[in-house]
C-alpha atoms as a PDB file:
ATOM      1  CA  MET A   1     194.735 189.619 125.404  1.00  0.00           C
ATOM      2  CA  SER A   2     195.364 191.808 122.075  1.00  0.00           C
ATOM      3  CA  LYS A   3     198.292 192.790 121.040  1.00  0.00           C
ATOM      4  CA  GLN A   4     200.302 196.258 120.608  1.00  0.00           C
ATOM      5  CA  TYR A   5     201.901 197.227 117.182  1.00  0.00           C
ATOM      6  CA  LEU A   6     203.736 200.978 116.678  1.00  0.00           C
ATOM      7  CA  GLN A   7     204.128 202.237 113.476  1.00  0.00           C
ATOM      8  CA  THR A   8     208.501 202.825 113.295  1.00  0.00           C
ATOM      9  CA  HIS A   9     208.651 204.082 109.773  1.00  0.00           C
ATOM     10  CA  SER A  10     206.794 205.576 106.624  1.00  0.00           C
ATOM     11  CA  ILE A  11     208.705 205.414 102.698  1.00  0.00           C
ATOM     12  CA  PRO A  12     205.501 207.818 101.303  1.00  0.00           C
ATOM     13  CA  ASP A  13     205.478 207.549  97.434  1.00  0.00           C
ATOM     14  CA  ALA A  14     207.948 205.157  96.793  1.00  0.00           C
ATOM     15  CA  SER A  15     206.460 204.246  93.764  1.00  0.00           C
ATOM     16  CA  PRO A  16     204.705 206.253  90.858  1.00  0.00           C
ATOM     17  CA  ALA A  17     201.574 203.051  91.052  1.00  0.00           C
ATOM     18  CA  ASP A  18     200.259 201.172  93.259  1.00  0.00           C
ATOM     19  CA  ILE A  19     202.483 198.807  95.256  1.00  0.00           C
ATOM     20  CA  TYR A  20     200.994 195.264  94.646  1.00  0.00           C
ATOM     21  CA  SER A  21     203.915 193.296  96.016  1.00  0.00           C
ATOM     22  CA  VAL A  22     206.234 192.801  98.590  1.00  0.00           C
ATOM     23  CA  ALA A  23     208.495 189.971  99.704  1.00  0.00           C
ATOM     24  CA  ALA A  24     210.415 189.718 102.313  1.00  0.00           C
ATOM     25  CA  THR A  25     214.256 188.310 102.904  1.00  0.00           C
ATOM     26  CA  SER A  26     216.916 188.804 106.183  1.00  0.00           C
ATOM     27  CA  LYS A  27     218.651 190.695 104.062  1.00  0.00           C
ATOM     28  CA  HIS A  28     216.617 192.622 102.049  1.00  0.00           C
ATOM     29  CA  LEU A  29     212.580 194.228 101.468  1.00  0.00           C
ATOM     30  CA  ILE A  30     212.076 193.804  97.342  1.00  0.00           C
ATOM     31  CA  THR A  31     208.533 195.475  95.978  1.00  0.00           C
ATOM     32  CA  ALA A  32     206.723 195.384  93.011  1.00  0.00           C
ATOM     33  CA  SER A  33     203.870 197.784  91.427  1.00  0.00           C
ATOM     34  CA  GLY A  34     202.264 199.267  88.142  1.00  0.00           C
ATOM     35  CA  SER A  35     205.738 200.806  87.661  1.00  0.00           C
ATOM     36  CA  SER A  36     208.349 199.093  85.518  1.00  0.00           C
ATOM     37  CA  SER A  37     210.936 198.597  87.922  1.00  0.00           C
ATOM     38  CA  LEU A  38     211.406 196.563  91.373  1.00  0.00           C
ATOM     39  CA  HIS A  39     212.972 198.461  94.304  1.00  0.00           C
ATOM     40  CA  VAL A  40     214.938 196.741  96.621  1.00  0.00           C
ATOM     41  CA  TYR A  41     215.588 198.483 100.265  1.00  0.00           C
ATOM     42  CA  SER A  42     218.136 196.832 102.982  1.00  0.00           C
ATOM     43  CA  THR A  43     216.222 195.314 106.217  1.00  0.00           C
ATOM     44  CA  ASP A  44     220.082 195.470 107.509  1.00  0.00           C
ATOM     45  CA  PRO A  45     219.607 196.305 111.271  1.00  0.00           C
ATOM     46  CA  THR A  46     222.619 198.437 111.539  1.00  0.00           C
ATOM     47  CA  ASN A  47     221.087 200.694 108.785  1.00  0.00           C
ATOM     48  CA  ASP A  48     220.755 204.843 110.026  1.00  0.00           C
ATOM     49  CA  GLU A  49     217.968 205.220 112.757  1.00  0.00           C
ATOM     50  CA  ASN A  50     216.851 207.714 110.389  1.00  0.00           C
ATOM     51  CA  ASN A  51     216.870 205.995 106.818  1.00  0.00           C
ATOM     52  CA  PRO A  52     216.793 202.391 108.801  1.00  0.00           C
ATOM     53  CA  TYR A  53     215.329 200.945 105.037  1.00  0.00           C
ATOM     54  CA  PRO A  54     217.272 202.102 102.307  1.00  0.00           C
ATOM     55  CA  LEU A  55     216.711 201.965  98.761  1.00  0.00           C
ATOM     56  CA  ILE A  56     219.765 200.441  98.043  1.00  0.00           C
ATOM     57  CA  GLN A  57     219.179 198.727  94.234  1.00  0.00           C
ATOM     58  CA  THR A  58     216.670 199.045  91.732  1.00  0.00           C
ATOM     59  CA  LEU A  59     215.923 196.488  88.304  1.00  0.00           C
ATOM     60  CA  GLN A  60     215.329 199.349  86.229  1.00  0.00           C
ATOM     61  CA  ASP A  61     212.911 198.007  83.496  1.00  0.00           C
ATOM     62  CA  ALA A  62     211.454 194.534  85.092  1.00  0.00           C
ATOM     63  CA  HIS A  63     208.397 194.429  83.987  1.00  0.00           C
ATOM     64  CA  LYS A  64     207.240 197.200  80.707  1.00  0.00           C
ATOM     65  CA  LEU A  65     203.712 196.959  81.988  1.00  0.00           C
ATOM     66  CA  GLY A  66     204.584 196.751  85.811  1.00  0.00           C
ATOM     67  CA  ALA A  67     204.277 193.854  87.904  1.00  0.00           C
ATOM     68  CA  HIS A  68     201.551 192.302  90.002  1.00  0.00           C
ATOM     69  CA  HIS A  69     203.450 189.721  91.963  1.00  0.00           C
ATOM     70  CA  ILE A  70     206.752 189.254  93.752  1.00  0.00           C
ATOM     71  CA  ALA A  71     208.101 186.075  95.518  1.00  0.00           C
ATOM     72  CA  VAL A  72     210.989 185.117  97.044  1.00  0.00           C
ATOM     73  CA  SER A  73     212.648 182.232  98.652  1.00  0.00           C
ATOM     74  CA  ALA A  74     213.973 181.215 102.313  1.00  0.00           C
ATOM     75  CA  ASN A  75     216.959 180.892 101.958  1.00  0.00           C
ATOM     76  CA  GLY A  76     216.961 183.989 100.004  1.00  0.00           C
ATOM     77  CA  ASN A  77     218.843 182.940  97.528  1.00  0.00           C
ATOM     78  CA  THR A  78     215.920 183.657  94.432  1.00  0.00           C
ATOM     79  CA  ALA A  79     213.398 186.026  93.276  1.00  0.00           C
ATOM     80  CA  ALA A  80     210.294 185.746  90.975  1.00  0.00           C
ATOM     81  CA  SER A  81     208.644 188.354  90.075  1.00  0.00           C
ATOM     82  CA  ALA A  82     205.053 188.222  87.355  1.00  0.00           C
ATOM     83  CA  GLY A  83     204.342 190.924  85.172  1.00  0.00           C
ATOM     84  CA  PHE A  84     201.376 192.345  84.380  1.00  0.00           C
ATOM     85  CA  GLY A  85     202.473 191.164  80.359  1.00  0.00           C
ATOM     86  CA  GLY A  86     201.842 187.122  81.558  1.00  0.00           C
ATOM     87  CA  GLU A  87     205.887 186.972  81.939  1.00  0.00           C
ATOM     88  CA  VAL A  88     207.647 186.109  85.325  1.00  0.00           C
ATOM     89  CA  LYS A  89     211.421 186.352  86.417  1.00  0.00           C
ATOM     90  CA  VAL A  90     213.475 185.296  87.466  1.00  0.00           C
ATOM     91  CA  TRP A  91     215.649 186.708  89.937  1.00  0.00           C
ATOM     92  CA  ALA A  92     218.946 185.796  91.890  1.00  0.00           C
ATOM     93  CA  LEU A  93     221.530 187.135  94.296  1.00  0.00           C
ATOM     94  CA  ASP A  94     225.115 187.995  94.068  1.00  0.00           C
ATOM     95  CA  GLU A  95     225.917 187.460  97.441  1.00  0.00           C
ATOM     96  CA  ASP A  96     229.776 189.001  96.855  1.00  0.00           C
ATOM     97  CA  SER A  97     227.567 191.952  95.838  1.00  0.00           C
ATOM     98  CA  SER A  98     224.805 191.451  97.439  1.00  0.00           C
ATOM     99  CA  ARG A  99     222.409 192.917  94.412  1.00  0.00           C
ATOM    100  CA  TRP A 100     219.860 190.611  91.953  1.00  0.00           C
ATOM    101  CA  THR A 101     220.721 189.999  88.900  1.00  0.00           C
ATOM    102  CA  PRO A 102     218.708 188.670  86.186  1.00  0.00           C
ATOM    103  CA  LYS A 103     217.993 184.622  85.908  1.00  0.00           C
ATOM    104  CA  GLY A 104     216.115 183.758  83.647  1.00  0.00           C
ATOM    105  CA  SER A 105     212.813 184.219  82.674  1.00  0.00           C
ATOM    106  CA  ILE A 106     209.130 181.527  81.827  1.00  0.00           C
ATOM    107  CA  VAL A 107     206.564 182.665  79.917  1.00  0.00           C
ATOM    108  CA  ASP A 108     203.161 180.494  79.660  1.00  0.00           C
ATOM    109  CA  ASP A 109     202.039 179.901  76.230  1.00  0.00           C
ATOM    110  CA  THR A 110     201.347 175.826  76.349  1.00  0.00           C
ATOM    111  CA  LYS A 111     197.325 177.569  75.385  1.00  0.00           C
ATOM    112  CA  ALA A 112     198.049 181.216  74.747  1.00  0.00           C
ATOM    113  CA  SER A 113     196.434 180.525  71.650  1.00  0.00           C
ATOM    114  CA  GLN A 114     192.916 179.279  73.405  1.00  0.00           C
ATOM    115  CA  GLY A 115     192.121 182.867  73.600  1.00  0.00           C
ATOM    116  CA  LYS A 116     192.803 186.339  74.657  1.00  0.00           C
ATOM    117  CA  ASN A 117     194.554 185.772  78.507  1.00  0.00           C
ATOM    118  CA  ALA A 118     194.609 182.182  78.202  1.00  0.00           C
ATOM    119  CA  GLY A 119     198.346 181.300  78.466  1.00  0.00           C
ATOM    120  CA  GLU A 120     199.873 184.148  80.772  1.00  0.00           C
ATOM    121  CA  ILE A 121     200.539 183.740  85.055  1.00  0.00           C
ATOM    122  CA  TRP A 122     198.941 185.481  87.304  1.00  0.00           C
ATOM    123  CA  ALA A 123     200.191 184.611  91.187  1.00  0.00           C
ATOM    124  CA  VAL A 124     203.432 182.540  91.801  1.00  0.00           C
ATOM    125  CA  ALA A 125     205.781 181.410  94.909  1.00  0.00           C
ATOM    126  CA  LEU A 126     209.062 179.886  95.162  1.00  0.00           C
ATOM    127  CA  SER A 127     209.885 176.819  97.591  1.00  0.00           C
ATOM    128  CA  GLU A 128     212.366 177.185 100.147  1.00  0.00           C
ATOM    129  CA  ASP A 129     215.633 175.965  98.301  1.00  0.00           C
ATOM    130  CA  GLY A 130     214.303 178.016  94.968  1.00  0.00           C
ATOM    131  CA  GLN A 131     214.825 175.489  93.160  1.00  0.00           C
ATOM    132  CA  PHE A 132     210.365 174.739  91.683  1.00  0.00           C
ATOM    133  CA  LEU A 133     208.115 177.786  91.268  1.00  0.00           C
ATOM    134  CA  ALA A 134     204.543 177.303  91.126  1.00  0.00           C
ATOM    135  CA  ALA A 135     202.382 179.855  89.143  1.00  0.00           C
ATOM    136  CA  THR A 136     198.502 179.952  88.279  1.00  0.00           C
ATOM    137  CA  THR A 137     196.853 180.984  85.177  1.00  0.00           C
ATOM    138  CA  PHE A 138     193.894 182.248  83.581  1.00  0.00           C
ATOM    139  CA  ASP A 139     192.580 179.876  82.583  1.00  0.00           C
ATOM    140  CA  GLY A 140     192.687 177.762  85.414  1.00  0.00           C
ATOM    141  CA  ARG A 141     196.080 175.789  85.917  1.00  0.00           C
ATOM    142  CA  ILE A 142     198.616 175.665  88.167  1.00  0.00           C
ATOM    143  CA  ASN A 143     201.860 174.883  87.021  1.00  0.00           C
ATOM    144  CA  VAL A 144     205.084 173.341  89.374  1.00  0.00           C
ATOM    145  CA  TRP A 145     208.370 174.693  87.000  1.00  0.00           C
ATOM    146  CA  ASP A 146     211.693 173.136  87.730  1.00  0.00           C
ATOM    147  CA  LEU A 147     214.563 176.182  88.292  1.00  0.00           C
ATOM    148  CA  ASN A 148     217.462 174.576  87.707  1.00  0.00           C
ATOM    149  CA  THR A 149     216.979 174.012  83.789  1.00  0.00           C
ATOM    150  CA  LEU A 150     215.833 177.837  83.733  1.00  0.00           C
ATOM    151  CA  THR A 151     217.472 179.422  81.034  1.00  0.00           C
ATOM    152  CA  ASP A 152     216.677 182.602  79.524  1.00  0.00           C
ATOM    153  CA  SER A 153     213.196 181.991  78.042  1.00  0.00           C
ATOM    154  CA  ASN A 154     211.788 178.849  79.571  1.00  0.00           C
ATOM    155  CA  ALA A 155     212.082 176.178  82.102  1.00  0.00           C
ATOM    156  CA  THR A 156     211.272 172.737  83.154  1.00  0.00           C
ATOM    157  CA  LEU A 157     207.981 171.607  83.211  1.00  0.00           C
ATOM    158  CA  LEU A 158     207.898 169.301  86.222  1.00  0.00           C
ATOM    159  CA  ARG A 159     203.223 169.544  87.273  1.00  0.00           C
ATOM    160  CA  SER A 160     200.952 171.135  85.124  1.00  0.00           C
ATOM    161  CA  TYR A 161     197.622 170.477  87.409  1.00  0.00           C
ATOM    162  CA  GLU A 162     194.438 170.608  86.164  1.00  0.00           C
ATOM    163  CA  THR A 163     191.464 172.687  87.705  1.00  0.00           C
ATOM    164  CA  LYS A 164     188.030 173.873  86.622  1.00  0.00           C
ATOM    165  CA  GLY A 165     188.863 176.061  84.610  1.00  0.00           C
ATOM    166  CA  SER A 166     188.861 179.386  86.831  1.00  0.00           C
ATOM    167  CA  PHE A 167     191.217 182.151  87.328  1.00  0.00           C
ATOM    168  CA  GLY A 168     193.580 180.953  90.093  1.00  0.00           C
ATOM    169  CA  MET A 169     194.244 183.820  91.674  1.00  0.00           C
ATOM    170  CA  SER A 170     196.434 182.988  94.394  1.00  0.00           C
ATOM    171  CA  VAL A 171     198.747 179.996  94.819  1.00  0.00           C
ATOM    172  CA  ALA A 172     201.052 178.760  97.605  1.00  0.00           C
ATOM    173  CA  LEU A 173     203.929 175.596  98.369  1.00  0.00           C
ATOM    174  CA  SER A 174     204.339 174.405 101.205  1.00  0.00           C
ATOM    175  CA  SER A 175     207.740 174.219 103.246  1.00  0.00           C
ATOM    176  CA  ASP A 176     208.602 170.965 102.876  1.00  0.00           C
ATOM    177  CA  GLY A 177     207.936 170.913  99.019  1.00  0.00           C
ATOM    178  CA  GLU A 178     204.783 168.159  99.414  1.00  0.00           C
ATOM    179  CA  PHE A 179     202.586 170.757  98.791  1.00  0.00           C
ATOM    180  CA  THR A 180     200.988 172.909  96.054  1.00  0.00           C
ATOM    181  CA  ALA A 181     197.719 174.842  96.764  1.00  0.00           C
ATOM    182  CA  SER A 182     195.802 177.216  95.005  1.00  0.00           C
ATOM    183  CA  GLY A 183     192.499 179.339  95.527  1.00  0.00           C
ATOM    184  CA  HIS A 184     190.431 180.449  92.516  1.00  0.00           C
ATOM    185  CA  ALA A 185     188.119 183.604  91.584  1.00  0.00           C
ATOM    186  CA  ASN A 186     185.435 181.006  91.214  1.00  0.00           C
ATOM    187  CA  GLY A 187     185.738 180.207  95.386  1.00  0.00           C
ATOM    188  CA  ALA A 188     187.492 176.774  95.361  1.00  0.00           C
ATOM    189  CA  VAL A 189     190.746 175.967  97.179  1.00  0.00           C
ATOM    190  CA  TYR A 190     192.685 172.636  95.756  1.00  0.00           C
ATOM    191  CA  LEU A 191     195.744 171.191  97.700  1.00  0.00           C
ATOM    192  CA  PHE A 192     197.734 169.300  95.350  1.00  0.00           C
ATOM    193  CA  ASN A 193     200.121 166.274  95.989  1.00  0.00           C
ATOM    194  CA  ASN A 194     203.271 167.011  94.295  1.00  0.00           C
ATOM    195  CA  THR A 195     204.873 163.486  94.392  1.00  0.00           C
ATOM    196  CA  THR A 196     201.498 162.204  93.078  1.00  0.00           C
ATOM    197  CA  GLY A 197     200.822 164.730  90.560  1.00  0.00           C
ATOM    198  CA  ARG A 198     197.695 164.362  91.947  1.00  0.00           C
ATOM    199  CA  LEU A 199     194.209 166.867  93.404  1.00  0.00           C
ATOM    200  CA  ALA A 200     195.031 165.655  97.781  1.00  0.00           C
ATOM    201  CA  HIS A 201     191.936 167.835  98.145  1.00  0.00           C
ATOM    202  CA  SER A 202     189.508 170.023  97.224  1.00  0.00           C
ATOM    203  CA  LEU A 203     188.767 172.314 100.285  1.00  0.00           C
ATOM    204  CA  GLN A 204     185.844 173.654 101.231  1.00  0.00           C
ATOM    205  CA  GLY A 205     184.083 176.659 102.973  1.00  0.00           C
ATOM    206  CA  LEU A 206     184.709 179.499 100.817  1.00  0.00           C
ATOM    207  CA  VAL A 207     181.960 180.060  97.619  1.00  0.00           C
ATOM    208  CA  LYS A 208     184.239 183.721  96.587  1.00  0.00           C
ATOM    209  CA  PRO A 209     187.576 184.705  95.325  1.00  0.00           C
ATOM    210  CA  VAL A 210     189.975 183.409  97.277  1.00  0.00           C
ATOM    211  CA  ARG A 211     192.771 186.093  96.635  1.00  0.00           C
ATOM    212  CA  THR A 212     195.165 184.319  99.048  1.00  0.00           C
ATOM    213  CA  VAL A 213     196.175 181.189 100.099  1.00  0.00           C
ATOM    214  CA  ALA A 214     199.531 180.765 102.822  1.00  0.00           C
ATOM    215  CA  PHE A 215     200.205 177.903 104.585  1.00  0.00           C
ATOM    216  CA  SER A 216     202.128 177.602 108.210  1.00  0.00           C
ATOM    217  CA  PRO A 217     205.713 176.909 108.865  1.00  0.00           C
ATOM    218  CA  ALA A 218     205.508 173.777 109.476  1.00  0.00           C
ATOM    219  CA  SER A 219     202.791 173.042 107.404  1.00  0.00           C
ATOM    220  CA  LYS A 220     200.711 171.831 109.352  1.00  0.00           C
ATOM    221  CA  PHE A 221     197.953 174.234 108.246  1.00  0.00           C
ATOM    222  CA  LEU A 222     196.792 176.245 104.943  1.00  0.00           C
ATOM    223  CA  ALA A 223     195.197 179.383 105.468  1.00  0.00           C
ATOM    224  CA  ALA A 224     192.973 180.488 102.559  1.00  0.00           C
ATOM    225  CA  GLY A 225     191.239 184.803 102.405  1.00  0.00           C
ATOM    226  CA  GLY A 226     188.610 186.834  99.870  1.00  0.00           C
ATOM    227  CA  ASP A 227     185.600 188.487  99.232  1.00  0.00           C
ATOM    228  CA  ALA A 228     183.884 186.282 101.491  1.00  0.00           C
ATOM    229  CA  LYS A 229     186.066 188.245 104.348  1.00  0.00           C
ATOM    230  CA  VAL A 230     186.874 185.417 106.459  1.00  0.00           C
ATOM    231  CA  ILE A 231     190.045 183.519 107.291  1.00  0.00           C
ATOM    232  CA  ALA A 232     189.343 179.725 106.216  1.00  0.00           C
ATOM    233  CA  LEU A 233     192.120 177.732 107.860  1.00  0.00           C
ATOM    234  CA  TYR A 234     191.642 173.633 106.705  1.00  0.00           C
ATOM    235  CA  ASP A 235     194.199 170.750 108.138  1.00  0.00           C
ATOM    236  CA  VAL A 236     196.830 170.282 105.129  1.00  0.00           C
ATOM    237  CA  LYS A 237     196.457 166.315 105.819  1.00  0.00           C
ATOM    238  CA  ASN A 238     193.202 165.738 105.959  1.00  0.00           C
ATOM    239  CA  GLY A 239     191.554 168.195 103.872  1.00  0.00           C
ATOM    240  CA  GLU A 240     189.214 169.466 106.959  1.00  0.00           C
ATOM    241  CA  GLN A 241     188.308 172.960 108.275  1.00  0.00           C
ATOM    242  CA  VAL A 242     189.354 173.014 111.146  1.00  0.00           C
ATOM    243  CA  ALA A 243     188.147 177.154 112.057  1.00  0.00           C
ATOM    244  CA  ASN A 244     187.020 180.299 110.302  1.00  0.00           C
ATOM    245  CA  LEU A 245     188.812 183.918 111.205  1.00  0.00           C
ATOM    246  CA  THR A 246     186.359 186.155 111.239  1.00  0.00           C
ATOM    247  CA  GLY A 247     185.411 189.998 112.008  1.00  0.00           C
ATOM    248  CA  SER A 248     187.388 191.254 108.584  1.00  0.00           C
ATOM    249  CA  GLN A 249     185.022 193.647 107.440  1.00  0.00           C
ATOM    250  CA  SER A 250     186.273 193.629 103.808  1.00  0.00           C
ATOM    251  CA  TRP A 251     187.444 191.791 100.865  1.00  0.00           C
ATOM    252  CA  ILE A 252     190.765 190.035 102.595  1.00  0.00           C
ATOM    253  CA  MET A 253     193.733 190.823  99.854  1.00  0.00           C
ATOM    254  CA  THR A 254     197.058 189.054 101.316  1.00  0.00           C
ATOM    255  CA  LEU A 255     197.826 186.569 104.452  1.00  0.00           C
ATOM    256  CA  ASP A 256     201.036 185.351 105.741  1.00  0.00           C
ATOM    257  CA  TRP A 257     202.560 183.916 108.896  1.00  0.00           C
ATOM    258  CA  SER A 258     204.266 184.280 111.562  1.00  0.00           C
ATOM    259  CA  SER A 259     207.845 182.239 111.547  1.00  0.00           C
ATOM    260  CA  SER A 260     206.553 180.887 114.662  1.00  0.00           C
ATOM    261  CA  GLY A 261     202.990 179.811 113.270  1.00  0.00           C
ATOM    262  CA  GLU A 262     201.489 181.636 116.118  1.00  0.00           C
ATOM    263  CA  HIS A 263     199.693 184.416 114.113  1.00  0.00           C
ATOM    264  CA  LEU A 264     198.393 185.579 110.850  1.00  0.00           C
ATOM    265  CA  LEU A 265     198.794 188.722 109.687  1.00  0.00           C
ATOM    266  CA  SER A 266     195.850 189.463 106.736  1.00  0.00           C
ATOM    267  CA  GLY A 267     196.004 193.064 104.661  1.00  0.00           C
ATOM    268  CA  ALA A 268     192.081 193.790 103.382  1.00  0.00           C
ATOM    269  CA  TYR A 269     190.718 195.646 100.808  1.00  0.00           C
ATOM    270  CA  ASP A 270     189.304 198.484 103.123  1.00  0.00           C
ATOM    271  CA  GLY A 271     193.824 199.102 104.386  1.00  0.00           C
ATOM    272  CA  LYS A 272     193.249 197.449 107.606  1.00  0.00           C
ATOM    273  CA  ALA A 273     195.843 194.747 108.621  1.00  0.00           C
ATOM    274  CA  LYS A 274     194.601 192.387 110.961  1.00  0.00           C
ATOM    275  CA  VAL A 275     197.142 190.565 113.443  1.00  0.00           C
ATOM    276  CA  TRP A 276     195.725 187.293 114.355  1.00  0.00           C
ATOM    277  CA  SER A 277     195.878 184.500 117.117  1.00  0.00           C
ATOM    278  CA  VAL A 278     195.749 180.887 115.878  1.00  0.00           C
ATOM    279  CA  GLU A 279     195.436 179.562 118.714  1.00  0.00           C
ATOM    280  CA  ARG A 280     192.754 182.037 119.576  1.00  0.00           C
ATOM    281  CA  ARG A 281     191.224 182.405 116.801  1.00  0.00           C
ATOM    282  CA  GLU A 282     190.755 185.226 117.236  1.00  0.00           C
ATOM    283  CA  CYS A 283     192.400 189.189 115.577  1.00  0.00           C
ATOM    284  CA  VAL A 284     194.861 190.497 119.068  1.00  0.00           C
ATOM    285  CA  ALA A 285     195.259 193.620 116.962  1.00  0.00           C
ATOM    286  CA  THR A 286     194.427 195.682 114.015  1.00  0.00           C
ATOM    287  CA  GLN A 287     196.094 198.600 112.557  1.00  0.00           C
ATOM    288  CA  THR A 288     195.008 201.285 110.341  1.00  0.00           C
ATOM    289  CA  GLU A 289     196.469 203.648 108.530  1.00  0.00           C
ATOM    290  CA  SER A 290     195.555 204.966 105.669  1.00  0.00           C
ATOM    291  CA  ASP A 291     191.161 203.608 103.902  1.00  0.00           C
ATOM    292  CA  LYS A 292     192.895 202.727 100.389  1.00  0.00           C
ATOM    293  CA  THR A 293     193.808 199.115  99.341  1.00  0.00           C
ATOM    294  CA  LEU A 294     196.514 196.850 101.123  1.00  0.00           C
ATOM    295  CA  TRP A 295     197.690 194.748  98.378  1.00  0.00           C
ATOM    296  CA  ALA A 296     200.133 193.455 100.600  1.00  0.00           C
ATOM    297  CA  VAL A 297     201.474 192.825 104.050  1.00  0.00           C
ATOM    298  CA  LYS A 298     204.477 191.103 105.017  1.00  0.00           C
ATOM    299  CA  TRP A 299     206.415 189.815 108.450  1.00  0.00           C
ATOM    300  CA  LEU A 300     209.802 190.857 108.498  1.00  0.00           C
ATOM    301  CA  PRO A 301     212.025 187.026 109.243  1.00  0.00           C
ATOM    302  CA  LYS A 302     213.681 188.259 112.807  1.00  0.00           C
ATOM    303  CA  THR A 303     217.154 188.821 113.226  1.00  0.00           C
ATOM    304  CA  GLN A 304     219.082 188.701 116.879  1.00  0.00           C
ATOM    305  CA  MET A 305     218.832 192.469 116.487  1.00  0.00           C
ATOM    306  CA  THR A 306     215.704 192.506 115.945  1.00  0.00           C
ATOM    307  CA  ARG A 307     213.890 190.034 118.276  1.00  0.00           C
ATOM    308  CA  ASN A 308     210.528 192.191 118.175  1.00  0.00           C
ATOM    309  CA  GLU A 309     207.858 191.020 115.793  1.00  0.00           C
ATOM    310  CA  THR A 310     207.833 193.316 112.997  1.00  0.00           C
ATOM    311  CA  PHE A 311     205.816 193.343 109.694  1.00  0.00           C
ATOM    312  CA  VAL A 312     205.747 195.805 106.362  1.00  0.00           C
ATOM    313  CA  THR A 313     202.568 196.582 104.806  1.00  0.00           C
ATOM    314  CA  VAL A 314     202.813 198.698 101.104  1.00  0.00           C
ATOM    315  CA  GLY A 315     199.184 199.340  98.964  1.00  0.00           C
ATOM    316  CA  ALA A 316     197.036 201.611  96.551  1.00  0.00           C
ATOM    317  CA  ASN A 317     198.522 204.681  98.632  1.00  0.00           C
ATOM    318  CA  ARG A 318     202.381 204.020  97.730  1.00  0.00           C
ATOM    319  CA  SER A 319     204.319 203.592 100.057  1.00  0.00           C
ATOM    320  CA  ILE A 320     205.312 201.708 102.175  1.00  0.00           C
ATOM    321  CA  SER A 321     204.657 201.387 106.482  1.00  0.00           C
ATOM    322  CA  PHE A 322     206.515 199.440 108.537  1.00  0.00           C
ATOM    323  CA  TYR A 323     204.781 198.408 112.079  1.00  0.00           C
ATOM    324  CA  ARG A 324     207.270 196.746 115.401  1.00  0.00           C
ATOM    325  CA  GLU A 325     205.807 195.198 118.493  1.00  0.00           C
ATOM    326  CA  ALA A 326     205.746 197.587 121.700  1.00  0.00           C
ATOM    327  CA  SER A 327     207.924 196.134 123.791  1.00  0.00           C
ATOM    328  CA  GLY A 328     205.314 194.152 126.406  1.00  0.00           C
ATOM    329  CA  GLY A 329     202.741 193.473 123.725  1.00  0.00           C
END
């Protein structure tokens, strides 16, 4: 049975440049783009119907060269943005004012002397409580920092996982904090055990660049996608590939699990957003509003006032689009 989603709202020209990443909390939507500023929108369901997602804060000059990744902790209190200059900025939510403030930054210069881009950070992920930050680098390392030790310019490095040196394009932290997953330009997918500090599984099945990895809510599965145009599903416990979700006609740029773990949301290079049934192993909905690349897609957290599934897409059309599950869908 297919599902139906309707576009309920769009914010055109939300950025003067491509919007590369989006993060969502129960209160806010944060976007990162090729412009120097980060934008924060309210997702409070009591907002004006004519302007349901108003811009409430602009983090001016957050990244001089623009930002390509934004992540937020599940508790909604910590955010991390990665810029084209190779730096990460960490942000804290002031609950009294509901505004985001700078908490510190991280510049990974561990191996920068070995060559251009060697120490630059690319993808980022945060633990549920915002205590740990994981990030990939151009030279293939995956680092995990303790943000409790964060200063203006660094934090304590807890783990540094070495791979075969291939550019780390994507990273994820499991909800239980036990695993870090990474996807690489050479098609490799790695699963590291944060407790032992060792490689748990080298996952097979994708031989082309892996642009996105995502753990299911209960950390049972890991989904990976990229230039192979398929979504590979792995069993986290034993590392076995349990399924391939096929049907995308283009590179898969981004993945996000629904809160129940029943559905996967994907965004592709051809501008198509797809909703996949994990149980049925098939696509149950496709949305296309533009043929321009979707750099990021994200489910919005459900609230008592918005029980229907809602997701947001951003990309090369520089707009933000919102979709809601049709009643009875």
